[in-house]
Amino acid sequence: MSTQTLLGGALAVQVALAVVTWWPSGPTVVEPTDLVPGGADSITQITVTPKGGTSDPVQLVQKDGAWTLASADGYPADADKVAEVVDALGTIKLRTPIATRAVTHEQLGVSDDSYEKKVEFTAGGTEHTLLLGAAANKAIHLRVDGGDAVYQVKGLSAWTIKDTNRGYLPSDYVDVDKDTLSSLAITTPLGAAAFTRTGTGWAVDGHPELVGDAAALDTWLGKIAKVRLSDVAGTTAEPAFGLTPAAVRITWSGAQGDQQVTGGLAVGAEADGRIYVKSDDSPFIVQAPSYGLKDLATLDPATLVAPAPTDAGGAEGEPLPE
């Protein structure tokens, strides 16, 4: 028997095995079937477990029409980020399965113990569990828990369904238009100063002989008025957070349209490139990137003032008069 004949026979066996392993047996889905009959609007709860259960699941819960992160102490989730996942789940249609045998589950990444992501959700009061695996060309492999059929869902990437709290948090913890602020007060371990915006710049409260350094204040306003959100630390201040009491505190006020707004921020300890902060307007303590706010701990407010143009008293960088 020739080598070519042997190779041809081996190939035929492989093809036959592939057909036995992959080809659906029994009834198949011919007409597309909605995974969620009630659509996206019927989904009220989602839990996403990452690959191998290597970290805590993400838990999203809808309450009074708004989504919150139960896995992050109930922090309000970003509506657009959640909507992307809810809409994706609500529009999935199941067509003819690509495999119907349990032996294929591990290879397709949808077995009970080997999956890219597990998604559990409640829709219309009914609980669903999906095992998702990666597929090529912006598609996923999907298996409904309890069944053997595996479907390929196109137009949906496994990355669409985030498996970390960060994937559903808003980008910013504090977001104020710095140009609308009319007053600012800063307290650090090195001192304190308060400023009021005037028609020509910044006045130093209680010290008519001084003015605020406009360039320096503008730089700090940019850091304080927009604080990025890295993670949620909870609602209870622990000693390690450095917020009881905070050595650094900032308050501000201004007008947003016809409405007068006030705000405050306590800045705590730094850890692993993040810094703990607590807004007066939020019950949540969060971690923010420390690259901007950490310098507040060593800021001397006296460096933010200068002598008033019409007054010879005082000098830039001198301690504020008592």
Protein backbone atom coordinates (compact mmCIF):
# COMPACT_ATOMS: atom_id res chain seq x y z
CA MET A 1 0.00 0.00 0.00
CA SER A 2 1.44 3.40 -0.98
CA THR A 3 2.14 6.28 1.39
CA GLN A 4 -0.36 8.42 -0.52
CA THR A 5 -3.05 5.80 0.01
CA LEU A 6 -2.28 5.66 3.74
CA LEU A 7 -2.44 9.45 4.04
CA GLY A 8 -5.70 9.52 2.16
CA GLY A 9 -7.16 6.93 4.49
CA ALA A 10 -6.03 8.85 7.58
CA LEU A 11 -7.59 12.04 6.26
CA ALA A 12 -10.85 10.25 5.63
CA VAL A 13 -10.86 8.98 9.22
CA GLN A 14 -10.23 12.52 10.55
CA VAL A 15 -13.07 13.91 8.48
CA ALA A 16 -15.38 11.15 9.68
CA LEU A 17 -14.44 11.84 13.30
CA ALA A 18 -15.04 15.55 12.81
CA VAL A 19 -18.47 14.86 11.38
CA VAL A 20 -19.35 12.58 14.30
CA THR A 21 -18.02 15.08 16.85
CA TRP A 22 -19.35 18.35 15.46
CA TRP A 23 -22.33 17.64 13.27
CA PRO A 24 -25.56 18.32 15.16
CA SER A 25 -27.62 15.28 16.00
CA GLY A 26 -31.31 15.36 16.70
CA PRO A 27 -33.54 18.41 16.19
CA THR A 28 -31.81 21.67 15.25
CA VAL A 29 -32.95 25.27 15.35
CA VAL A 30 -34.00 26.31 11.87
CA GLU A 31 -35.89 29.51 12.58
CA PRO A 32 -33.98 32.07 14.69
CA THR A 33 -35.17 31.99 18.30
CA ASP A 34 -34.84 34.90 20.73
CA LEU A 35 -32.62 34.01 23.67
CA VAL A 36 -34.57 36.55 25.75
CA PRO A 37 -38.22 36.55 24.65
CA GLY A 38 -38.94 39.77 26.50
CA GLY A 39 -35.95 41.58 25.01
CA ALA A 40 -33.50 43.91 26.72
CA ASP A 41 -36.16 45.76 28.71
CA SER A 42 -37.02 42.60 30.62
CA ILE A 43 -33.49 42.17 32.04
CA THR A 44 -33.20 43.31 35.65
CA GLN A 45 -30.08 41.62 37.01
CA ILE A 46 -26.74 40.46 35.56
CA THR A 47 -23.82 38.58 37.11
CA VAL A 48 -20.61 38.08 35.15
CA THR A 49 -18.02 35.57 36.36
CA PRO A 50 -14.57 35.85 34.71
CA LYS A 51 -12.61 33.01 33.17
CA GLY A 52 -11.88 30.30 35.69
CA GLY A 53 -13.55 32.29 38.46
CA THR A 54 -10.21 34.01 39.08
CA SER A 55 -11.84 37.05 40.64
CA ASP A 56 -15.13 37.97 42.27
CA PRO A 57 -18.13 38.13 39.94
CA VAL A 58 -19.49 41.46 38.77
CA GLN A 59 -23.07 41.97 39.94
CA LEU A 60 -25.35 44.50 38.27
CA VAL A 61 -28.82 45.19 39.63
CA GLN A 62 -31.54 47.43 38.26
CA LYS A 63 -33.37 49.42 40.89
CA ASP A 64 -35.99 52.10 40.26
CA GLY A 65 -34.96 52.21 36.61
CA ALA A 66 -31.26 52.73 37.31
CA TRP A 67 -28.41 50.21 37.33
CA THR A 68 -26.09 49.84 40.29
CA LEU A 69 -23.04 47.69 40.97
CA ALA A 70 -23.99 45.41 43.84
CA SER A 71 -20.42 44.08 43.73
CA ALA A 72 -19.16 47.62 44.41
CA ASP A 73 -21.34 48.48 47.42
CA GLY A 74 -24.17 49.65 45.18
CA TYR A 75 -22.22 52.34 43.35
CA PRO A 76 -24.23 53.80 40.43
CA ALA A 77 -23.17 52.14 37.18
CA ASP A 78 -22.53 53.99 33.94
CA ALA A 79 -25.85 53.74 32.09
CA ASP A 80 -24.28 53.58 28.62
CA LYS A 81 -21.83 50.83 29.58
CA VAL A 82 -24.59 48.68 31.08
CA ALA A 83 -26.90 49.36 28.13
CA GLU A 84 -24.28 47.93 25.77
CA VAL A 85 -24.40 44.59 27.59
CA VAL A 86 -28.16 44.56 28.19
CA ASP A 87 -28.85 45.32 24.53
CA ALA A 88 -26.38 42.65 23.43
CA LEU A 89 -28.06 39.98 25.57
CA GLY A 90 -31.56 41.12 24.65
CA THR A 91 -30.97 40.85 20.90
CA ILE A 92 -29.22 37.46 20.76
CA LYS A 93 -30.93 35.00 18.43
CA LEU A 94 -30.17 31.30 18.50
CA ARG A 95 -29.86 29.64 15.13
CA THR A 96 -28.68 26.20 14.06
CA PRO A 97 -26.10 25.01 16.63
CA ILE A 98 -22.56 24.36 15.46
CA ALA A 99 -22.26 21.39 17.86
CA THR A 100 -24.61 19.34 19.98
CA ARG A 101 -22.30 16.97 21.84
CA ALA A 102 -20.81 17.55 25.27
CA VAL A 103 -17.40 16.38 24.05
CA THR A 104 -17.04 19.68 22.14
CA HIS A 105 -17.69 21.98 25.09
CA GLU A 106 -14.15 22.25 26.39
CA GLN A 107 -12.66 22.85 22.95
CA LEU A 108 -15.19 25.58 22.25
CA GLY A 109 -14.61 27.18 25.64
CA VAL A 110 -18.11 26.64 26.99
CA SER A 111 -17.73 23.75 29.44
CA ASP A 112 -18.83 23.95 33.07
CA ASP A 113 -15.21 24.28 34.21
CA SER A 114 -13.59 25.98 31.21
CA TYR A 115 -15.23 29.11 29.86
CA GLU A 116 -14.24 32.63 28.94
CA LYS A 117 -17.13 34.10 30.90
CA LYS A 118 -20.23 32.90 32.66
CA VAL A 119 -23.21 35.22 32.48
CA GLU A 120 -26.19 34.77 34.78
CA PHE A 121 -29.12 37.12 34.34
CA THR A 122 -32.77 37.54 35.22
CA ALA A 123 -35.21 38.48 32.49
CA GLY A 124 -38.95 38.67 33.03
CA GLY A 125 -38.51 36.90 36.35
CA THR A 126 -36.76 33.93 34.71
CA GLU A 127 -33.13 33.12 35.49
CA HIS A 128 -30.72 32.29 32.67
CA THR A 129 -27.12 31.07 32.70
CA LEU A 130 -24.83 31.26 29.68
CA LEU A 131 -21.32 29.91 29.14
CA LEU A 132 -19.39 32.02 26.64
CA GLY A 133 -16.27 31.15 24.68
CA ALA A 134 -14.19 33.13 22.24
CA ALA A 135 -14.73 32.67 18.50
CA ALA A 136 -13.14 34.23 15.43
CA ASN A 137 -14.32 37.28 13.49
CA LYS A 138 -16.12 39.13 16.27
CA ALA A 139 -18.30 36.24 17.36
CA ILE A 140 -18.74 34.12 20.47
CA HIS A 141 -19.55 30.52 21.23
CA LEU A 142 -22.56 30.30 23.50
CA ARG A 143 -24.07 27.42 25.45
CA VAL A 144 -27.15 27.64 27.62
CA ASP A 145 -26.35 25.96 30.92
CA GLY A 146 -28.04 22.57 31.20
CA GLY A 147 -27.97 21.90 27.47
CA ASP A 148 -25.39 20.47 25.09
CA ALA A 149 -26.05 22.63 22.02
CA VAL A 150 -23.39 25.23 21.23
CA TYR A 151 -24.22 28.25 19.09
CA GLN A 152 -22.04 30.75 17.32
CA VAL A 153 -23.37 34.26 17.82
CA LYS A 154 -21.98 36.79 15.35
CA GLY A 155 -21.62 40.50 15.93
CA LEU A 156 -20.86 40.01 19.63
CA SER A 157 -17.39 39.89 21.15
CA ALA A 158 -16.60 38.28 24.49
CA TRP A 159 -15.00 41.64 25.38
CA THR A 160 -18.36 43.39 25.07
CA ILE A 161 -19.43 41.79 28.34
CA LYS A 162 -16.94 43.16 30.86
CA ASP A 163 -16.01 41.01 33.86
CA THR A 164 -14.67 43.71 36.22
CA ASN A 165 -16.42 46.43 38.20
CA ARG A 166 -14.23 48.97 36.44
CA GLY A 167 -15.85 48.02 33.15
CA TYR A 168 -19.17 49.46 34.34
CA LEU A 169 -18.08 52.40 36.47
CA PRO A 170 -18.37 56.01 35.28
CA SER A 171 -15.10 57.55 34.11
CA ASP A 172 -15.22 60.42 36.60
CA TYR A 173 -15.91 60.69 40.32
CA VAL A 174 -15.94 64.49 40.32
CA ASP A 175 -16.69 66.44 37.15
CA VAL A 176 -17.19 70.18 37.55
CA ASP A 177 -16.58 72.93 35.01
CA LYS A 178 -13.62 74.68 36.63
CA ASP A 179 -14.31 77.92 34.75
CA THR A 180 -17.65 78.31 36.55
CA LEU A 181 -16.18 78.10 40.05
CA SER A 182 -16.19 81.36 41.97
CA SER A 183 -14.57 80.30 45.25
CA LEU A 184 -11.96 77.81 46.35
CA ALA A 185 -10.53 76.85 49.75
CA ILE A 186 -7.54 74.55 50.24
CA THR A 187 -6.26 73.06 53.50
CA THR A 188 -3.10 70.94 53.59
CA PRO A 189 -0.62 69.94 56.33
CA LEU A 190 1.37 73.06 55.42
CA GLY A 191 -1.40 75.62 55.73
CA ALA A 192 -4.70 76.92 54.42
CA ALA A 193 -5.95 79.57 52.03
CA ALA A 194 -9.28 80.62 50.53
CA PHE A 195 -9.84 82.45 47.26
CA THR A 196 -12.70 84.30 45.57
CA ARG A 197 -12.82 84.98 41.85
CA THR A 198 -13.07 88.65 40.90
CA GLY A 199 -13.49 90.43 37.60
CA THR A 200 -9.72 90.58 37.18
CA GLY A 201 -8.49 87.41 38.87
CA TRP A 202 -8.54 85.87 42.35
CA ALA A 203 -8.70 87.65 45.71
CA VAL A 204 -7.29 86.01 48.85
CA ASP A 205 -10.02 85.94 51.48
CA GLY A 206 -9.11 88.04 54.52
CA HIS A 207 -5.95 89.43 52.90
CA PRO A 208 -6.62 92.40 50.60
CA GLU A 209 -2.85 92.93 50.25
CA LEU A 210 -2.57 89.63 48.36
CA VAL A 211 -3.99 88.09 45.18
CA GLY A 212 -4.17 84.54 44.01
CA ASP A 213 -1.63 83.30 41.47
CA ALA A 214 -3.98 82.83 38.52
CA ALA A 215 -1.81 80.32 36.64
CA ALA A 216 -1.16 78.15 39.71
CA LEU A 217 -4.80 78.20 40.76
CA ASP A 218 -5.95 77.30 37.26
CA THR A 219 -3.62 74.28 37.30
CA TRP A 220 -4.98 73.06 40.62
CA LEU A 221 -8.58 73.71 39.64
CA GLY A 222 -8.05 71.44 36.65
CA LYS A 223 -6.92 68.61 38.94
CA ILE A 224 -9.59 69.12 41.58
CA ALA A 225 -12.64 69.76 39.39
CA LYS A 226 -12.20 66.55 37.36
CA VAL A 227 -11.23 63.51 39.42
CA ARG A 228 -11.03 60.21 37.55
CA LEU A 229 -12.51 57.06 39.10
CA SER A 230 -10.32 53.96 39.34
CA ASP A 231 -12.18 51.80 41.87
CA VAL A 232 -14.73 51.92 44.68
CA ALA A 233 -13.39 51.45 48.21
CA GLY A 234 -16.78 51.35 49.93
CA THR A 235 -18.81 53.56 52.22
CA THR A 236 -16.89 53.07 55.47
CA ALA A 237 -13.62 54.93 56.03
CA GLU A 238 -10.89 52.58 57.22
CA PRO A 239 -7.75 53.94 58.94
CA ALA A 240 -5.59 52.92 55.99
CA PHE A 241 -7.56 55.29 53.76
CA GLY A 242 -6.12 58.34 55.56
CA LEU A 243 -9.48 60.09 55.67
CA THR A 244 -10.23 60.08 59.40
CA PRO A 245 -9.49 62.92 59.48
CA ALA A 246 -8.14 63.88 56.09
CA ALA A 247 -5.00 66.02 56.07
CA VAL A 248 -6.03 67.57 52.75
CA ARG A 249 -9.41 69.13 52.11
CA ILE A 250 -10.74 71.28 49.27
CA THR A 251 -14.08 73.06 49.00
CA TRP A 252 -15.53 75.10 46.17
CA SER A 253 -18.64 76.89 44.98
CA GLY A 254 -19.85 78.26 41.70
CA ALA A 255 -22.77 78.61 39.33
CA GLN A 256 -23.86 75.90 36.91
CA GLY A 257 -26.33 77.72 34.70
CA ASP A 258 -28.93 79.27 37.00
CA GLN A 259 -28.05 76.95 39.87
CA GLN A 260 -25.52 77.64 42.60
CA VAL A 261 -23.44 74.56 43.40
CA THR A 262 -21.05 73.73 46.20
CA GLY A 263 -18.71 70.82 46.66
CA GLY A 264 -15.92 69.43 48.75
CA LEU A 265 -13.27 66.77 48.52
CA ALA A 266 -11.17 65.03 51.17
CA VAL A 267 -7.91 63.52 49.93
CA GLY A 268 -6.35 60.64 51.82
CA ALA A 269 -3.52 58.14 51.56
CA GLU A 270 -1.80 56.87 48.43
CA ALA A 271 -1.39 53.16 47.66
CA ASP A 272 -0.18 51.44 44.49
CA GLY A 273 -0.56 54.45 42.26
CA ARG A 274 -4.00 55.33 43.55
CA ILE A 275 -5.21 57.75 46.18
CA TYR A 276 -8.29 57.58 48.40
CA VAL A 277 -10.77 60.43 48.03
CA LYS A 278 -14.21 61.22 49.42
CA SER A 279 -16.57 63.76 47.90
CA ASP A 280 -19.04 65.65 50.09
CA ASP A 281 -21.68 64.86 47.46
CA SER A 282 -21.24 61.09 47.57
CA PRO A 283 -21.50 58.43 50.28
CA PHE A 284 -18.77 56.46 48.50
CA ILE A 285 -15.05 56.51 49.10
CA VAL A 286 -13.15 55.78 45.91
CA GLN A 287 -9.65 55.40 44.59
CA ALA A 288 -8.48 57.88 41.98
CA PRO A 289 -5.24 58.00 39.97
CA SER A 290 -2.71 59.59 42.28
CA TYR A 291 -0.57 61.37 39.67
CA GLY A 292 -2.36 64.68 40.15
CA LEU A 293 -3.82 64.68 43.63
CA LYS A 294 -0.87 63.23 45.57
CA ASP A 295 0.99 66.55 45.30
CA LEU A 296 -1.70 68.20 47.42
CA ALA A 297 -0.18 66.69 50.55
CA THR A 298 3.00 68.73 50.05
CA LEU A 299 1.33 71.87 48.71
CA ASP A 300 1.94 75.03 50.70
CA PRO A 301 -1.06 77.30 50.00
CA ALA A 302 1.27 80.29 50.44
CA THR A 303 2.76 79.45 47.04
CA LEU A 304 -0.62 80.18 45.47
CA VAL A 305 -0.58 83.88 46.43
CA ALA A 306 1.29 86.97 45.29
CA PRO A 307 1.38 90.62 46.35
CA ALA A 308 -1.51 92.69 45.09
CA PRO A 309 -0.35 94.98 42.24
CA THR A 310 -1.29 98.14 44.12
CA ASP A 311 0.15 97.09 47.46
CA ALA A 312 3.81 96.70 48.36
CA GLY A 313 3.11 94.49 51.35
CA GLY A 314 3.91 90.79 51.34
CA ALA A 315 5.97 88.75 48.94
CA GLU A 316 5.19 85.72 46.84
CA GLY A 317 5.75 82.48 48.71
CA GLU A 318 5.72 84.09 52.17
CA PRO A 319 3.47 82.56 54.85
CA LEU A 320 0.02 84.07 54.87
CA PRO A 321 -0.33 86.79 57.50
CA GLU A 322 -2.06 85.72 60.72
